[in-house]
Amino acid sequence: MTPQASRHIMYGDIENESGLEGVIMSKLAQRAQKLFIQHLRENNLKVTQERLALLDEIFATSDHLDADDLLARMKVKKRKVSRATVYRTLDLLVQCGLVRKSRLGREHYFYEKMEPGGGHHHMVCMATGKIIEFWDADLDERLRHICHDHKFRPSFISIQIQGLSEEGQKVEQETSFF
């Protein structure tokens, strides 16, 4: 069995009424699906194949996606999902804490799955739109100390650095007037 195949398990019989059959998902995604279904039911919302497929797509990637990226991925997989369903589902996923919504340097929002212990920060290239994730244990520890010194309990810590990546610096040099 390949390492990738060994990380996946079947959805099982969680939601037969949705018509979802034979979809493979990671353990993290399976837990996310259970939480999402619980959130939908607690709020008297329908558990649909489209919503679960969108959740699956988000948890199948480590990319930062915007709503258009997600819609395009669904079309490539020949899954019929409306733009409105994508936006509504993203909002629901953010509400229940499974997805983080971030404005990363551009005029629109990006979404990424939340993972236990998966905290990280972002460097955003203003020329290319490239997003570089980084994590530094010493930096995070220093930020926790600062919060403690101010008697502040953080629920989430995020740093975003905007600037120019190596590629962005080249683009800037090539397009600069001076």
Protein backbone atom coordinates (compact mmCIF):
# COMPACT_ATOMS: atom_id res chain seq x y z
CA MET A 1 0.00 0.00 0.00
CA THR A 2 1.41 3.44 -0.89
CA PRO A 3 1.89 6.04 1.87
CA GLN A 4 -0.83 8.16 0.28
CA ALA A 5 -3.29 5.27 0.11
CA SER A 6 -2.62 4.29 3.71
CA ARG A 7 -3.61 7.76 4.94
CA HIS A 8 -7.14 7.42 3.59
CA ILE A 9 -10.23 5.69 4.90
CA MET A 10 -13.73 5.39 3.55
CA TYR A 11 -16.47 7.82 4.57
CA GLY A 12 -18.48 4.81 5.56
CA ASP A 13 -22.20 5.11 6.13
CA ILE A 14 -22.31 8.62 7.60
CA GLU A 15 -24.85 10.14 5.26
CA ASN A 16 -26.67 7.78 2.95
CA GLU A 17 -29.44 10.28 2.23
CA SER A 18 -26.97 12.56 0.46
CA GLY A 19 -26.20 10.01 -2.23
CA LEU A 20 -22.49 10.25 -1.49
CA GLU A 21 -20.92 6.93 -2.39
CA GLY A 22 -17.39 5.61 -2.58
CA VAL A 23 -15.65 8.86 -1.66
CA ILE A 24 -12.26 8.51 0.01
CA MET A 25 -11.20 10.92 2.74
CA SER A 26 -8.35 11.35 5.28
CA LYS A 27 -8.94 10.81 8.99
CA LEU A 28 -8.76 14.56 9.59
CA ALA A 29 -11.31 15.16 6.83
CA GLN A 30 -13.55 12.43 8.21
CA ARG A 31 -13.57 14.13 11.62
CA ALA A 32 -14.26 17.45 9.88
CA GLN A 33 -17.15 15.89 7.99
CA LYS A 34 -18.72 14.59 11.20
CA LEU A 35 -18.42 18.02 12.82
CA PHE A 36 -19.83 19.73 9.73
CA ILE A 37 -22.81 17.37 9.57
CA GLN A 38 -23.44 17.98 13.27
CA HIS A 39 -23.25 21.76 12.73
CA LEU A 40 -25.68 21.59 9.80
CA ARG A 41 -28.18 19.48 11.71
CA GLU A 42 -27.95 21.64 14.85
CA ASN A 43 -28.81 24.65 12.68
CA ASN A 44 -31.63 22.83 10.83
CA LEU A 45 -29.74 22.96 7.53
CA LYS A 46 -29.70 20.22 4.92
CA VAL A 47 -26.76 17.86 4.62
CA THR A 48 -26.26 17.80 0.85
CA GLN A 49 -23.91 16.02 -1.48
CA GLU A 50 -22.68 19.40 -2.75
CA ARG A 51 -21.76 20.67 0.72
CA LEU A 52 -19.93 17.46 1.57
CA ALA A 53 -18.10 17.47 -1.78
CA LEU A 54 -16.91 21.04 -1.14
CA LEU A 55 -15.68 20.05 2.32
CA ASP A 56 -13.88 17.07 0.81
CA GLU A 57 -12.19 19.26 -1.81
CA ILE A 58 -10.96 21.74 0.79
CA PHE A 59 -9.57 18.98 3.02
CA ALA A 60 -7.96 17.22 0.04
CA THR A 61 -5.56 20.12 -0.58
CA SER A 62 -3.07 22.19 1.36
CA ASP A 63 -3.59 25.13 -1.01
CA HIS A 64 -5.11 28.47 -0.12
CA LEU A 65 -8.29 28.58 -2.18
CA ASP A 66 -10.64 31.36 -3.06
CA ALA A 67 -14.26 30.69 -3.96
CA ASP A 68 -13.49 30.77 -7.71
CA ASP A 69 -10.66 28.24 -7.27
CA LEU A 70 -13.01 25.92 -5.44
CA LEU A 71 -15.73 26.31 -8.06
CA ALA A 72 -13.21 25.57 -10.84
CA ARG A 73 -11.97 22.44 -9.04
CA MET A 74 -15.53 21.18 -8.73
CA LYS A 75 -16.13 21.76 -12.45
CA VAL A 76 -12.96 19.85 -13.35
CA LYS A 77 -14.30 16.95 -11.29
CA LYS A 78 -17.65 17.30 -13.09
CA ARG A 79 -19.45 18.13 -9.83
CA LYS A 80 -22.37 20.48 -10.31
CA VAL A 81 -22.18 23.15 -7.62
CA SER A 82 -23.46 26.70 -7.96
CA ARG A 83 -21.38 29.73 -7.06
CA ALA A 84 -23.95 30.60 -4.37
CA THR A 85 -23.57 27.12 -2.83
CA VAL A 86 -19.79 27.55 -2.76
CA TYR A 87 -20.03 30.89 -0.93
CA ARG A 88 -22.73 29.68 1.49
CA THR A 89 -20.82 26.49 2.26
CA LEU A 90 -17.56 28.37 2.84
CA ASP A 91 -19.37 30.66 5.29
CA LEU A 92 -20.81 27.63 7.11
CA LEU A 93 -17.38 25.97 7.29
CA VAL A 94 -15.90 29.15 8.75
CA GLN A 95 -18.78 29.42 11.27
CA CYS A 96 -18.17 25.91 12.57
CA GLY A 97 -14.38 26.43 12.79
CA LEU A 98 -13.29 23.95 10.13
CA VAL A 99 -11.99 26.52 7.66
CA ARG A 100 -10.11 29.78 8.15
CA LYS A 101 -10.97 32.82 6.04
CA SER A 102 -8.07 35.21 5.44
CA ARG A 103 -7.46 38.25 3.31
CA LEU A 104 -3.96 37.57 2.06
CA GLY A 105 -2.74 40.67 0.30
CA ARG A 106 -5.33 40.80 -2.43
CA GLU A 107 -8.78 42.24 -2.75
CA HIS A 108 -10.51 38.95 -1.95
CA TYR A 109 -10.48 36.21 0.66
CA PHE A 110 -8.71 32.88 0.73
CA TYR A 111 -9.84 29.81 2.63
CA GLU A 112 -7.79 27.02 4.14
CA LYS A 113 -8.60 24.03 6.28
CA MET A 114 -7.94 24.23 9.99
CA GLU A 115 -5.71 21.49 11.36
CA PRO A 116 -4.93 20.74 15.00
CA GLY A 117 -1.47 22.12 15.70
CA GLY A 118 -1.36 23.47 12.15
CA GLY A 119 -0.77 27.09 13.06
CA HIS A 120 1.37 29.01 10.63
CA HIS A 121 1.94 32.48 9.25
CA HIS A 122 1.99 33.90 5.74
CA MET A 123 4.29 35.90 3.50
CA VAL A 124 2.37 37.32 0.55
CA CYS A 125 4.10 38.50 -2.61
CA MET A 126 2.37 41.66 -3.80
CA ALA A 127 3.67 41.23 -7.37
CA THR A 128 2.85 37.59 -8.04
CA GLY A 129 0.24 36.74 -5.41
CA LYS A 130 2.41 33.86 -4.21
CA ILE A 131 1.65 32.80 -0.62
CA ILE A 132 4.49 31.36 1.44
CA GLU A 133 3.57 29.65 4.69
CA PHE A 134 6.05 29.61 7.53
CA TRP A 135 6.18 28.64 11.18
CA ASP A 136 8.78 29.56 13.76
CA ALA A 137 8.54 28.02 17.23
CA ASP A 138 10.63 30.79 18.83
CA LEU A 139 8.46 33.51 17.28
CA ASP A 140 5.25 31.80 18.41
CA GLU A 141 6.63 31.38 21.93
CA ARG A 142 7.60 35.07 22.05
CA LEU A 143 4.09 36.06 20.91
CA ARG A 144 2.55 33.89 23.66
CA HIS A 145 4.81 35.61 26.23
CA ILE A 146 3.75 39.03 24.97
CA CYS A 147 0.09 38.03 25.33
CA HIS A 148 0.75 36.66 28.81
CA ASP A 149 2.58 39.86 29.85
CA HIS A 150 -0.49 41.85 28.83
CA LYS A 151 -2.86 39.39 30.53
CA PHE A 152 -4.34 38.63 27.12
CA ARG A 153 -5.56 35.17 26.17
CA PRO A 154 -5.23 34.68 22.40
CA SER A 155 -7.63 32.40 20.60
CA PHE A 156 -5.66 32.58 17.38
CA ILE A 157 -2.36 34.14 16.34
CA SER A 158 -1.61 35.00 12.73
CA ILE A 159 1.09 37.07 11.11
CA GLN A 160 0.96 38.25 7.53
CA ILE A 161 4.01 39.80 5.90
CA GLN A 162 3.44 41.56 2.60
CA GLY A 163 6.30 42.26 0.25
CA LEU A 164 8.10 40.82 -2.74
CA SER A 165 9.23 37.23 -3.16
CA GLU A 166 12.33 36.46 -5.22
CA GLU A 167 10.13 36.09 -8.32
CA GLY A 168 8.26 39.29 -7.43
CA GLN A 169 11.51 41.23 -7.17
CA LYS A 170 12.44 40.07 -10.68
CA VAL A 171 9.02 41.12 -12.01
CA GLU A 172 9.42 44.50 -10.34
CA GLN A 173 12.88 44.99 -11.89
CA GLU A 174 11.61 44.03 -15.36
CA THR A 175 8.60 46.33 -15.19
CA SER A 176 10.15 49.26 -13.34
CA PHE A 177 10.39 52.53 -15.26
CA PHE A 178 13.65 53.59 -13.58
